[in-house]
Amino acid sequence: MRKAFIGPIIGLAMTLMFTQVAVAGVHILLKVTNDIDREVYDLAVVTNEDDHAVGLKLIDRNKSDHYFDVSDLKGGVVLKKEGSRKVIVLRSSDFEKDRGGHFKLDFLSNGITGSRDNLDLKCQFGKEKWQVFYKGRLVSKMFFVGKTVFGKLVGIKQVIIK
């Protein structure tokens, strides 16, 4: 009876060894920090079993995660909000689930005047993983520097990307 099981078990083991199983997952794109509240976030792409992007996730290491469907990128997803002000918004008009697209990172540079600034990023699936590029260079970290007036935070002075 033992011998009857050995053949199928070896066959199953060989099949599993040579079969690549695709699984859905969360892939970290950027580590996001700031000098305002010193919080650490991870911006990640959420994929299905075919490695196609189905959403983005902002992972707050101290609180709850925030999920955004990729279809929401055209209208913009709010990554940070203070009161009624949209402080950081991420948009993409050409994001494709299988290869990525261009991101426009829009941020409030001066809350007093309401002026905004933005950065252009590229998110793409390449070399079997999701990656972010800034000015043609692979990046993994984003640091927001706050702008203060009389000691009060009024916006984002600059974004340092490495």
Foldseek 3Di string as FASTA:
>chain_A
DVVVVPVVVVVVVVCVVPDDFFAWDWAFAAWEAEPPPRWIWTWTFTAGSVQFGQWIWIGGPVDHIDIGGPVCQQVWDQPDDDDPDRAWTWHFPDQGRQFGGKIKIKGQAFQVVRDIDIAIKTWTQDPNHIFIDGPRHTWHYKYWYFDDDPRHTGGTNDIDID
